[in-house]
Amino acid sequence: MAEKSRVLFVCVANDVRSQLAEALLRHTDSEHFEAHSAGVRPTQIDPRAIDALEHAGVSAEGLRCKSIDEFAGEHFDYLIDLCDRSGDEELQLPHSQEVIVWSFADPATSQAPDAFRHALQEIHDRVKLFVMVKVRSH
C-alpha cells in the first residue's frame, strides 16, 4: 500500500470546522489519508460539533484541540485552511506541498438551529470531493 497523504486542517480556534473536517476525512477515507487539525489560537471543542458528528454516525474519538505549534517541523501533503483567517499567521504554519483554502461560516456564531448540521454537511461534501480528486490523481 502506498504511503498515506498527510492532511492538516487549520482554523483559528480548532473548535468546530477543523475538528469536523478531521473526523470527516478519517471517516471518508482513512486508507489514503492521515487527518489532523490544529488552531492558531486553540480553545476547546464546541460540544455541538461532537453532537453533530455523533448524530451523523461519524466517530469523534480522539478529537482534541491542538495548537499549530504541536506540528512544528512536520511536513504535510495538504494544509487546508477552513476559515480563511489563519492566512495572516502563515509564518507559523507547518510546511506543506499544497495549501488550500475552504472558507466556511462558523456555525458557533449562527443563530440558525441547524447551523452545525449544515456546516457538517458542507464540509463533508467538500471532503468527499477532495478525496475523489486526490485519490484519482495518484
N, C-alpha and C. Protein backbone atom coordinates (compact mmCIF):
# COMPACT_ATOMS: atom_id res chain seq x y z
N MET A 1 0.84 -1.19 0.00
CA MET A 1 0.00 0.00 0.00
C MET A 1 0.88 1.25 0.00
N ALA A 2 0.48 2.23 -0.76
CA ALA A 2 1.22 3.49 -0.82
C ALA A 2 1.10 4.23 0.51
N GLU A 3 2.06 5.11 0.74
CA GLU A 3 2.04 5.91 1.96
C GLU A 3 0.84 6.85 1.94
N LYS A 4 0.25 7.06 3.11
CA LYS A 4 -0.91 7.94 3.21
C LYS A 4 -0.49 9.39 3.04
N SER A 5 -1.36 10.17 2.41
CA SER A 5 -1.15 11.62 2.32
C SER A 5 -1.52 12.23 3.66
N ARG A 6 -0.68 13.11 4.15
CA ARG A 6 -0.93 13.78 5.43
C ARG A 6 -1.66 15.09 5.19
N VAL A 7 -2.76 15.29 5.90
CA VAL A 7 -3.60 16.48 5.74
C VAL A 7 -3.73 17.16 7.10
N LEU A 8 -3.50 18.47 7.11
CA LEU A 8 -3.70 19.26 8.32
C LEU A 8 -4.77 20.31 8.04
N PHE A 9 -5.87 20.22 8.77
CA PHE A 9 -6.94 21.22 8.69
C PHE A 9 -6.66 22.27 9.75
N VAL A 10 -6.67 23.54 9.33
CA VAL A 10 -6.31 24.64 10.23
C VAL A 10 -7.45 25.64 10.31
N CYS A 11 -7.70 26.09 11.51
CA CYS A 11 -8.62 27.19 11.76
C CYS A 11 -8.06 27.97 12.94
N VAL A 12 -8.63 29.07 13.25
CA VAL A 12 -8.08 29.88 14.34
C VAL A 12 -8.22 29.16 15.68
N ALA A 13 -9.43 28.73 16.04
CA ALA A 13 -9.65 28.18 17.38
C ALA A 13 -9.59 26.66 17.45
N ASN A 14 -9.64 25.96 16.30
CA ASN A 14 -9.65 24.49 16.27
C ASN A 14 -10.77 23.96 17.16
N ASP A 15 -11.94 24.62 17.08
CA ASP A 15 -13.04 24.24 17.96
C ASP A 15 -14.24 23.65 17.24
N VAL A 16 -14.40 23.92 15.92
CA VAL A 16 -15.56 23.39 15.20
C VAL A 16 -15.15 22.88 13.82
N ARG A 17 -14.94 23.80 12.88
CA ARG A 17 -14.77 23.41 11.48
C ARG A 17 -13.59 22.48 11.23
N SER A 18 -12.44 22.78 11.78
CA SER A 18 -11.27 21.92 11.57
C SER A 18 -11.46 20.57 12.24
N GLN A 19 -12.15 20.55 13.37
CA GLN A 19 -12.45 19.28 14.05
C GLN A 19 -13.40 18.43 13.21
N LEU A 20 -14.44 19.08 12.66
CA LEU A 20 -15.38 18.36 11.79
C LEU A 20 -14.64 17.78 10.59
N ALA A 21 -13.78 18.58 9.97
CA ALA A 21 -13.06 18.13 8.78
C ALA A 21 -12.13 16.97 9.11
N GLU A 22 -11.44 17.05 10.22
CA GLU A 22 -10.55 15.95 10.62
C GLU A 22 -11.33 14.65 10.77
N ALA A 23 -12.43 14.70 11.51
CA ALA A 23 -13.25 13.49 11.73
C ALA A 23 -13.85 12.99 10.42
N LEU A 24 -14.30 13.90 9.58
CA LEU A 24 -14.93 13.51 8.31
C LEU A 24 -13.94 12.89 7.35
N LEU A 25 -12.72 13.40 7.29
CA LEU A 25 -11.74 12.79 6.40
C LEU A 25 -11.38 11.39 6.89
N ARG A 26 -11.21 11.23 8.19
CA ARG A 26 -10.95 9.89 8.74
C ARG A 26 -12.09 8.94 8.40
N HIS A 27 -13.31 9.44 8.53
CA HIS A 27 -14.50 8.63 8.27
C HIS A 27 -14.60 8.29 6.78
N THR A 28 -14.28 9.24 5.92
CA THR A 28 -14.46 9.08 4.47
C THR A 28 -13.37 8.22 3.84
N ASP A 29 -12.10 8.43 4.23
CA ASP A 29 -11.03 7.67 3.59
C ASP A 29 -9.76 7.65 4.44
N SER A 30 -9.76 6.81 5.46
CA SER A 30 -8.56 6.67 6.29
C SER A 30 -7.54 5.76 5.65
N GLU A 31 -7.89 5.13 4.54
CA GLU A 31 -6.95 4.27 3.83
C GLU A 31 -5.89 5.10 3.10
N HIS A 32 -6.29 6.24 2.54
CA HIS A 32 -5.38 7.05 1.75
C HIS A 32 -4.89 8.32 2.45
N PHE A 33 -5.57 8.71 3.54
CA PHE A 33 -5.25 9.99 4.18
C PHE A 33 -5.08 9.84 5.68
N GLU A 34 -4.13 10.60 6.21
CA GLU A 34 -3.91 10.72 7.64
C GLU A 34 -4.35 12.14 8.01
N ALA A 35 -5.44 12.26 8.76
CA ALA A 35 -6.05 13.57 9.04
C ALA A 35 -5.66 14.11 10.41
N HIS A 36 -5.37 15.41 10.44
CA HIS A 36 -5.05 16.13 11.67
C HIS A 36 -5.73 17.49 11.61
N SER A 37 -5.86 18.13 12.76
CA SER A 37 -6.36 19.50 12.79
C SER A 37 -5.63 20.27 13.87
N ALA A 38 -5.60 21.59 13.71
CA ALA A 38 -4.92 22.44 14.68
C ALA A 38 -5.46 23.85 14.57
N GLY A 39 -5.19 24.63 15.60
CA GLY A 39 -5.60 26.02 15.62
C GLY A 39 -4.45 26.94 15.88
N VAL A 40 -4.56 28.13 15.34
CA VAL A 40 -3.56 29.17 15.58
C VAL A 40 -3.65 29.63 17.03
N ARG A 41 -4.89 29.75 17.52
CA ARG A 41 -5.15 30.08 18.93
C ARG A 41 -6.24 29.13 19.42
N PRO A 42 -5.88 27.86 19.69
CA PRO A 42 -6.90 26.86 20.03
C PRO A 42 -7.62 27.16 21.34
N THR A 43 -8.87 26.75 21.37
CA THR A 43 -9.68 26.92 22.58
C THR A 43 -10.13 25.52 23.04
N GLN A 44 -11.44 25.27 23.02
CA GLN A 44 -11.99 23.95 23.37
C GLN A 44 -12.98 23.56 22.30
N ILE A 45 -13.11 22.26 22.07
CA ILE A 45 -14.07 21.79 21.08
C ILE A 45 -15.48 22.16 21.53
N ASP A 46 -16.24 22.72 20.62
CA ASP A 46 -17.63 23.06 20.89
C ASP A 46 -18.41 21.75 20.97
N PRO A 47 -19.10 21.48 22.06
CA PRO A 47 -19.83 20.22 22.21
C PRO A 47 -20.88 19.99 21.11
N ARG A 48 -21.35 21.08 20.50
CA ARG A 48 -22.33 20.93 19.42
C ARG A 48 -21.68 20.31 18.18
N ALA A 49 -20.36 20.49 18.01
CA ALA A 49 -19.65 19.84 16.90
C ALA A 49 -19.61 18.33 17.13
N ILE A 50 -19.33 17.93 18.34
CA ILE A 50 -19.30 16.50 18.68
C ILE A 50 -20.70 15.90 18.50
N ASP A 51 -21.72 16.62 18.95
CA ASP A 51 -23.11 16.15 18.78
C ASP A 51 -23.45 15.96 17.30
N ALA A 52 -23.05 16.91 16.47
CA ALA A 52 -23.34 16.82 15.03
C ALA A 52 -22.66 15.60 14.42
N LEU A 53 -21.41 15.35 14.80
CA LEU A 53 -20.69 14.18 14.29
C LEU A 53 -21.38 12.89 14.73
N GLU A 54 -21.69 12.80 16.01
CA GLU A 54 -22.32 11.58 16.53
C GLU A 54 -23.68 11.36 15.90
N HIS A 55 -24.44 12.42 15.70
CA HIS A 55 -25.76 12.31 15.08
C HIS A 55 -25.64 11.78 13.64
N ALA A 56 -24.54 12.12 12.97
CA ALA A 56 -24.32 11.68 11.59
C ALA A 56 -23.63 10.31 11.52
N GLY A 57 -23.33 9.74 12.69
CA GLY A 57 -22.68 8.43 12.70
C GLY A 57 -21.19 8.47 12.42
N VAL A 58 -20.57 9.63 12.68
CA VAL A 58 -19.13 9.81 12.45
C VAL A 58 -18.44 9.83 13.81
N SER A 59 -17.40 9.02 13.96
CA SER A 59 -16.70 8.93 15.23
C SER A 59 -15.97 10.24 15.56
N ALA A 60 -16.10 10.66 16.80
CA ALA A 60 -15.39 11.83 17.29
C ALA A 60 -14.22 11.40 18.19
N GLU A 61 -13.96 10.10 18.20
CA GLU A 61 -12.91 9.56 19.06
C GLU A 61 -11.55 10.18 18.74
N GLY A 62 -10.85 10.58 19.79
CA GLY A 62 -9.51 11.13 19.63
C GLY A 62 -9.45 12.61 19.29
N LEU A 63 -10.59 13.23 19.05
CA LEU A 63 -10.57 14.66 18.73
C LEU A 63 -10.22 15.46 19.98
N ARG A 64 -9.34 16.43 19.81
CA ARG A 64 -8.99 17.36 20.89
C ARG A 64 -8.42 18.62 20.24
N CYS A 65 -8.53 19.73 20.92
CA CYS A 65 -7.97 20.97 20.41
C CYS A 65 -6.45 20.91 20.50
N LYS A 66 -5.82 21.32 19.40
CA LYS A 66 -4.37 21.28 19.33
C LYS A 66 -3.86 22.61 18.77
N SER A 67 -2.72 23.01 19.26
CA SER A 67 -2.07 24.21 18.73
C SER A 67 -1.27 23.84 17.49
N ILE A 68 -1.19 24.77 16.57
CA ILE A 68 -0.38 24.59 15.38
C ILE A 68 1.07 24.30 15.77
N ASP A 69 1.49 24.78 16.94
CA ASP A 69 2.86 24.56 17.42
C ASP A 69 3.18 23.09 17.62
N GLU A 70 2.16 22.26 17.89
CA GLU A 70 2.38 20.82 18.07
C GLU A 70 2.92 20.17 16.80
N PHE A 71 2.71 20.82 15.67
CA PHE A 71 3.11 20.25 14.39
C PHE A 71 4.34 20.93 13.78
N ALA A 72 5.00 21.77 14.58
CA ALA A 72 6.20 22.49 14.10
C ALA A 72 7.22 21.47 13.60
N GLY A 73 7.77 21.74 12.43
CA GLY A 73 8.79 20.87 11.86
C GLY A 73 8.26 19.66 11.11
N GLU A 74 6.95 19.42 11.18
CA GLU A 74 6.36 18.29 10.45
C GLU A 74 5.99 18.72 9.04
N HIS A 75 5.92 17.74 8.14
CA HIS A 75 5.56 18.00 6.76
C HIS A 75 4.17 17.43 6.48
N PHE A 76 3.37 18.19 5.75
CA PHE A 76 2.04 17.74 5.34
C PHE A 76 1.93 17.84 3.83
N ASP A 77 1.21 16.91 3.24
CA ASP A 77 0.97 16.97 1.81
C ASP A 77 -0.02 18.09 1.49
N TYR A 78 -0.99 18.26 2.38
CA TYR A 78 -2.02 19.29 2.19
C TYR A 78 -2.26 20.01 3.50
N LEU A 79 -2.27 21.33 3.45
CA LEU A 79 -2.68 22.15 4.57
C LEU A 79 -3.95 22.85 4.10
N ILE A 80 -5.05 22.60 4.79
CA ILE A 80 -6.34 23.16 4.37
C ILE A 80 -6.83 24.13 5.44
N ASP A 81 -6.91 25.40 5.05
CA ASP A 81 -7.37 26.48 5.92
C ASP A 81 -8.89 26.56 5.79
N LEU A 82 -9.59 26.33 6.89
CA LEU A 82 -11.04 26.27 6.84
C LEU A 82 -11.75 27.56 7.18
N CYS A 83 -11.04 28.56 7.62
CA CYS A 83 -11.75 29.79 7.99
C CYS A 83 -11.15 31.03 7.37
N ASP A 84 -10.12 30.86 6.58
CA ASP A 84 -9.54 31.97 5.83
C ASP A 84 -9.14 33.14 6.71
N ARG A 85 -8.90 32.89 7.98
CA ARG A 85 -8.42 33.94 8.87
C ARG A 85 -7.04 33.60 9.39
N SER A 86 -6.62 32.34 9.22
CA SER A 86 -5.30 31.96 9.72
C SER A 86 -4.21 32.27 8.72
N GLY A 87 -4.57 32.69 7.51
CA GLY A 87 -3.59 33.02 6.49
C GLY A 87 -2.62 34.10 6.92
N ASP A 88 -3.09 35.01 7.78
CA ASP A 88 -2.20 36.07 8.25
C ASP A 88 -1.19 35.53 9.26
N GLU A 89 -1.34 34.29 9.66
CA GLU A 89 -0.42 33.66 10.60
C GLU A 89 0.47 32.66 9.85
N GLU A 90 0.56 32.80 8.54
CA GLU A 90 1.18 31.78 7.71
C GLU A 90 2.61 31.43 8.10
N LEU A 91 3.36 32.35 8.65
CA LEU A 91 4.73 32.04 9.02
C LEU A 91 4.79 30.96 10.09
N GLN A 92 3.73 30.79 10.86
CA GLN A 92 3.70 29.79 11.92
C GLN A 92 3.20 28.43 11.42
N LEU A 93 2.73 28.34 10.20
CA LEU A 93 2.14 27.10 9.71
C LEU A 93 3.21 26.11 9.28
N PRO A 94 2.98 24.82 9.52
CA PRO A 94 3.93 23.80 9.09
C PRO A 94 4.08 23.77 7.57
N HIS A 95 5.15 23.18 7.11
CA HIS A 95 5.41 23.08 5.68
C HIS A 95 4.42 22.10 5.05
N SER A 96 3.93 22.46 3.87
CA SER A 96 3.05 21.56 3.13
C SER A 96 3.31 21.73 1.65
N GLN A 97 3.03 20.67 0.89
CA GLN A 97 3.20 20.73 -0.56
C GLN A 97 2.15 21.61 -1.19
N GLU A 98 0.94 21.61 -0.62
CA GLU A 98 -0.16 22.37 -1.21
C GLU A 98 -1.00 23.00 -0.10
N VAL A 99 -1.28 24.29 -0.24
CA VAL A 99 -2.16 24.99 0.70
C VAL A 99 -3.47 25.25 -0.02
N ILE A 100 -4.56 24.87 0.64
CA ILE A 100 -5.90 25.01 0.08
C ILE A 100 -6.73 25.82 1.06
N VAL A 101 -7.58 26.70 0.56
CA VAL A 101 -8.46 27.48 1.44
C VAL A 101 -9.91 27.10 1.15
N TRP A 102 -10.57 26.63 2.19
CA TRP A 102 -12.01 26.34 2.13
C TRP A 102 -12.67 27.23 3.17
N SER A 103 -13.25 28.31 2.79
CA SER A 103 -13.91 29.19 3.76
C SER A 103 -15.32 28.72 4.05
N PHE A 104 -15.58 28.45 5.29
CA PHE A 104 -16.92 28.07 5.74
C PHE A 104 -17.32 28.99 6.88
N ALA A 105 -18.58 29.36 6.91
CA ALA A 105 -19.09 30.18 8.01
C ALA A 105 -18.98 29.38 9.32
N ASP A 106 -18.69 30.08 10.39
CA ASP A 106 -18.57 29.44 11.70
C ASP A 106 -19.97 29.19 12.26
N PRO A 107 -20.36 27.92 12.42
CA PRO A 107 -21.70 27.65 12.94
C PRO A 107 -21.89 28.11 14.37
N ALA A 108 -20.80 28.27 15.11
CA ALA A 108 -20.91 28.71 16.50
C ALA A 108 -21.41 30.14 16.61
N THR A 109 -21.28 30.92 15.53
CA THR A 109 -21.74 32.31 15.56
C THR A 109 -23.12 32.47 14.94
N SER A 110 -23.69 31.37 14.49
CA SER A 110 -25.00 31.42 13.83
C SER A 110 -26.14 31.23 14.83
N GLN A 111 -27.26 31.86 14.52
CA GLN A 111 -28.47 31.67 15.34
C GLN A 111 -29.36 30.56 14.78
N ALA A 112 -29.01 30.05 13.61
CA ALA A 112 -29.83 29.01 12.97
C ALA A 112 -29.77 27.72 13.79
N PRO A 113 -30.93 27.10 14.03
CA PRO A 113 -30.94 25.89 14.85
C PRO A 113 -30.21 24.70 14.21
N ASP A 114 -30.09 24.71 12.90
CA ASP A 114 -29.42 23.59 12.22
C ASP A 114 -28.03 23.98 11.70
N ALA A 115 -27.42 25.00 12.28
CA ALA A 115 -26.14 25.51 11.79
C ALA A 115 -25.04 24.45 11.81
N PHE A 116 -24.97 23.67 12.86
CA PHE A 116 -23.92 22.66 12.97
C PHE A 116 -24.16 21.51 11.99
N ARG A 117 -25.39 21.10 11.83
CA ARG A 117 -25.71 20.06 10.85
C ARG A 117 -25.39 20.54 9.45
N HIS A 118 -25.73 21.79 9.17
CA HIS A 118 -25.46 22.37 7.86
C HIS A 118 -23.95 22.47 7.60
N ALA A 119 -23.18 22.93 8.60
CA ALA A 119 -21.72 23.02 8.46
C ALA A 119 -21.12 21.64 8.25
N LEU A 120 -21.61 20.66 8.99
CA LEU A 120 -21.12 19.29 8.83
C LEU A 120 -21.36 18.80 7.41
N GLN A 121 -22.53 19.05 6.88
CA GLN A 121 -22.86 18.61 5.52
C GLN A 121 -21.99 19.32 4.47
N GLU A 122 -21.83 20.63 4.61
CA GLU A 122 -20.99 21.38 3.67
C GLU A 122 -19.55 20.88 3.67
N ILE A 123 -19.00 20.68 4.87
CA ILE A 123 -17.62 20.22 4.98
C ILE A 123 -17.50 18.78 4.46
N HIS A 124 -18.50 17.95 4.76
CA HIS A 124 -18.46 16.57 4.28
C HIS A 124 -18.49 16.52 2.75
N ASP A 125 -19.32 17.34 2.13
CA ASP A 125 -19.37 17.40 0.67
C ASP A 125 -18.00 17.78 0.11
N ARG A 126 -17.34 18.76 0.71
CA ARG A 126 -16.03 19.20 0.23
C ARG A 126 -14.97 18.13 0.46
N VAL A 127 -15.03 17.45 1.60
CA VAL A 127 -14.08 16.37 1.90
C VAL A 127 -14.24 15.24 0.88
N LYS A 128 -15.47 14.87 0.57
CA LYS A 128 -15.71 13.80 -0.40
C LYS A 128 -15.16 14.19 -1.77
N LEU A 129 -15.34 15.42 -2.17
CA LEU A 129 -14.81 15.90 -3.45
C LEU A 129 -13.28 15.89 -3.43
N PHE A 130 -12.69 16.37 -2.35
CA PHE A 130 -11.24 16.36 -2.18
C PHE A 130 -10.69 14.94 -2.32
N VAL A 131 -11.31 13.99 -1.64
CA VAL A 131 -10.87 12.60 -1.70
C VAL A 131 -10.98 12.07 -3.13
N MET A 132 -12.09 12.33 -3.77
CA MET A 132 -12.30 11.83 -5.12
C MET A 132 -11.21 12.37 -6.07
N VAL A 133 -10.94 13.66 -5.99
CA VAL A 133 -9.96 14.28 -6.88
C VAL A 133 -8.54 13.82 -6.56
N LYS A 134 -8.17 13.80 -5.29
CA LYS A 134 -6.78 13.49 -4.92
C LYS A 134 -6.46 12.00 -5.07
N VAL A 135 -7.39 11.13 -4.78
CA VAL A 135 -7.14 9.69 -4.93
C VAL A 135 -7.06 9.34 -6.40
N ARG A 136 -7.90 9.93 -7.19
CA ARG A 136 -7.92 9.67 -8.62
C ARG A 136 -6.64 10.18 -9.30
N SER A 137 -6.07 11.27 -8.78
CA SER A 137 -4.89 11.85 -9.43
C SER A 137 -3.59 11.12 -9.08
N HIS A 138 -3.65 10.18 -8.12
CA HIS A 138 -2.44 9.44 -7.74
C HIS A 138 -2.38 8.09 -8.38
